[in-house]
Amino acid sequence: MSDLDDKMEEIVAKLKTERDELRVQLHLLAAEAKDEWEEMEGHWEHLESRMKRVGGAAADAGDDVAAAGKQLAEEIGNAYKRIRKSLD
């Protein structure tokens, strides 16, 4: 076998190792993104429920309810951004 063949085999072996490692990392990343998505789905349902209960009375209920809703919505939005970024 020539030096060129040896080098090509070495390059291919390194690429295979890197590919295998990336495949595992992608699988783990997808699982992490899915876990975060499922957690945020619970928060989303809570936010929707809260908005339905409070409805138009949010302004009358005070700033605390509005602030809590806004904070929850921001948390969900930030999580969605993290999930999207992890999938890119």
C-alpha atoms as a PDB file:
ATOM      1  CA  MET A   1       0.000   0.000   0.000  1.00  0.00           C
ATOM      2  CA  SER A   2       1.307   3.463  -0.846  1.00  0.00           C
ATOM      3  CA  ASP A   3       1.702   6.417   1.488  1.00  0.00           C
ATOM      4  CA  LEU A   4      -1.226   8.049  -0.307  1.00  0.00           C
ATOM      5  CA  ASP A   5      -3.442   5.048   0.401  1.00  0.00           C
ATOM      6  CA  ASP A   6      -2.354   5.038   4.039  1.00  0.00           C
ATOM      7  CA  LYS A   7      -3.105   8.744   4.394  1.00  0.00           C
ATOM      8  CA  MET A   8      -6.501   8.353   2.745  1.00  0.00           C
ATOM      9  CA  GLU A   9      -7.370   5.482   5.062  1.00  0.00           C
ATOM     10  CA  GLU A  10      -6.314   7.590   8.031  1.00  0.00           C
ATOM     11  CA  ILE A  11      -8.399  10.533   6.835  1.00  0.00           C
ATOM     12  CA  VAL A  12     -11.416   8.299   6.241  1.00  0.00           C
ATOM     13  CA  ALA A  13     -11.020   6.706   9.685  1.00  0.00           C
ATOM     14  CA  LYS A  14     -10.882  10.137  11.358  1.00  0.00           C
ATOM     15  CA  LEU A  15     -13.923  11.287   9.422  1.00  0.00           C
ATOM     16  CA  LYS A  16     -15.810   8.136  10.389  1.00  0.00           C
ATOM     17  CA  THR A  17     -14.995   8.725  14.057  1.00  0.00           C
ATOM     18  CA  GLU A  18     -16.081  12.360  13.828  1.00  0.00           C
ATOM     19  CA  ARG A  19     -19.254  11.362  11.983  1.00  0.00           C
ATOM     20  CA  ASP A  20     -20.118   8.785  14.638  1.00  0.00           C
ATOM     21  CA  GLU A  21     -19.510  11.288  17.444  1.00  0.00           C
ATOM     22  CA  LEU A  22     -21.637  13.919  15.698  1.00  0.00           C
ATOM     23  CA  ARG A  23     -24.431  11.413  15.178  1.00  0.00           C
ATOM     24  CA  VAL A  24     -24.511  10.705  18.927  1.00  0.00           C
ATOM     25  CA  GLN A  25     -24.388  14.424  19.760  1.00  0.00           C
ATOM     26  CA  LEU A  26     -27.204  15.176  17.311  1.00  0.00           C
ATOM     27  CA  HIS A  27     -29.311  12.436  18.827  1.00  0.00           C
ATOM     28  CA  LEU A  28     -28.695  13.822  22.316  1.00  0.00           C
ATOM     29  CA  LEU A  29     -29.356  17.352  21.112  1.00  0.00           C
ATOM     30  CA  ALA A  30     -32.632  16.293  19.555  1.00  0.00           C
ATOM     31  CA  ALA A  31     -33.615  14.603  22.810  1.00  0.00           C
ATOM     32  CA  GLU A  32     -32.722  17.733  24.805  1.00  0.00           C
ATOM     33  CA  ALA A  33     -34.690  19.933  22.401  1.00  0.00           C
ATOM     34  CA  LYS A  34     -37.657  17.561  22.659  1.00  0.00           C
ATOM     35  CA  ASP A  35     -37.491  17.624  26.464  1.00  0.00           C
ATOM     36  CA  GLU A  36     -37.398  21.416  26.482  1.00  0.00           C
ATOM     37  CA  TRP A  37     -40.249  21.533  23.968  1.00  0.00           C
ATOM     38  CA  GLU A  38     -42.395  19.281  26.150  1.00  0.00           C
ATOM     39  CA  GLU A  39     -41.638  21.393  29.214  1.00  0.00           C
ATOM     40  CA  MET A  40     -42.597  24.556  27.322  1.00  0.00           C
ATOM     41  CA  GLU A  41     -45.805  22.930  26.096  1.00  0.00           C
ATOM     42  CA  GLY A  42     -46.836  22.660  29.744  1.00  0.00           C
ATOM     43  CA  HIS A  43     -46.009  26.327  30.257  1.00  0.00           C
ATOM     44  CA  TRP A  44     -47.912  27.200  27.065  1.00  0.00           C
ATOM     45  CA  GLU A  45     -51.009  25.388  28.290  1.00  0.00           C
ATOM     46  CA  HIS A  46     -50.702  27.192  31.624  1.00  0.00           C
ATOM     47  CA  LEU A  47     -50.428  30.554  29.843  1.00  0.00           C
ATOM     48  CA  GLU A  48     -53.438  29.835  27.624  1.00  0.00           C
ATOM     49  CA  SER A  49     -55.461  28.717  30.612  1.00  0.00           C
ATOM     50  CA  ARG A  50     -54.491  31.795  32.577  1.00  0.00           C
ATOM     51  CA  MET A  51     -55.396  34.090  29.696  1.00  0.00           C
ATOM     52  CA  LYS A  52     -58.793  32.418  29.310  1.00  0.00           C
ATOM     53  CA  ARG A  53     -59.528  32.716  33.040  1.00  0.00           C
ATOM     54  CA  VAL A  54     -58.421  36.292  33.298  1.00  0.00           C
ATOM     55  CA  GLY A  55     -59.685  37.329  29.891  1.00  0.00           C
ATOM     56  CA  GLY A  56     -60.430  41.002  29.549  1.00  0.00           C
ATOM     57  CA  ALA A  57     -60.227  41.456  33.298  1.00  0.00           C
ATOM     58  CA  ALA A  58     -56.417  41.357  33.236  1.00  0.00           C
ATOM     59  CA  ALA A  59     -56.230  45.130  33.376  1.00  0.00           C
ATOM     60  CA  ASP A  60     -58.599  45.211  36.329  1.00  0.00           C
ATOM     61  CA  ALA A  61     -56.770  42.404  38.125  1.00  0.00           C
ATOM     62  CA  GLY A  62     -53.669  44.507  38.516  1.00  0.00           C
ATOM     63  CA  ASP A  63     -50.178  44.671  37.232  1.00  0.00           C
ATOM     64  CA  ASP A  64     -49.097  41.473  39.004  1.00  0.00           C
ATOM     65  CA  VAL A  65     -51.205  39.238  36.769  1.00  0.00           C
ATOM     66  CA  ALA A  66     -50.087  41.040  33.633  1.00  0.00           C
ATOM     67  CA  ALA A  67     -46.440  40.935  34.712  1.00  0.00           C
ATOM     68  CA  ALA A  68     -46.622  37.223  35.528  1.00  0.00           C
ATOM     69  CA  GLY A  69     -48.223  36.495  32.161  1.00  0.00           C
ATOM     70  CA  LYS A  70     -45.644  38.572  30.349  1.00  0.00           C
ATOM     71  CA  GLN A  71     -42.796  36.828  32.180  1.00  0.00           C
ATOM     72  CA  LEU A  72     -44.201  33.398  31.331  1.00  0.00           C
ATOM     73  CA  ALA A  73     -44.650  34.400  27.684  1.00  0.00           C
ATOM     74  CA  GLU A  74     -41.050  35.656  27.533  1.00  0.00           C
ATOM     75  CA  GLU A  75     -39.800  32.414  29.090  1.00  0.00           C
ATOM     76  CA  ILE A  76     -41.661  30.387  26.485  1.00  0.00           C
ATOM     77  CA  GLY A  77     -40.379  32.635  23.677  1.00  0.00           C
ATOM     78  CA  ASN A  78     -36.787  32.315  24.863  1.00  0.00           C
ATOM     79  CA  ALA A  79     -37.123  28.541  25.097  1.00  0.00           C
ATOM     80  CA  TYR A  80     -38.507  28.390  21.556  1.00  0.00           C
ATOM     81  CA  LYS A  81     -35.503  30.405  20.348  1.00  0.00           C
ATOM     82  CA  ARG A  82     -33.119  28.000  22.117  1.00  0.00           C
ATOM     83  CA  ILE A  83     -34.884  25.005  20.587  1.00  0.00           C
ATOM     84  CA  ARG A  84     -34.788  26.553  17.094  1.00  0.00           C
ATOM     85  CA  LYS A  85     -31.100  27.427  17.500  1.00  0.00           C
ATOM     86  CA  SER A  86     -30.260  23.902  18.639  1.00  0.00           C
ATOM     87  CA  LEU A  87     -31.953  22.485  15.545  1.00  0.00           C
ATOM     88  CA  ASP A  88     -30.097  24.758  13.102  1.00  0.00           C
END
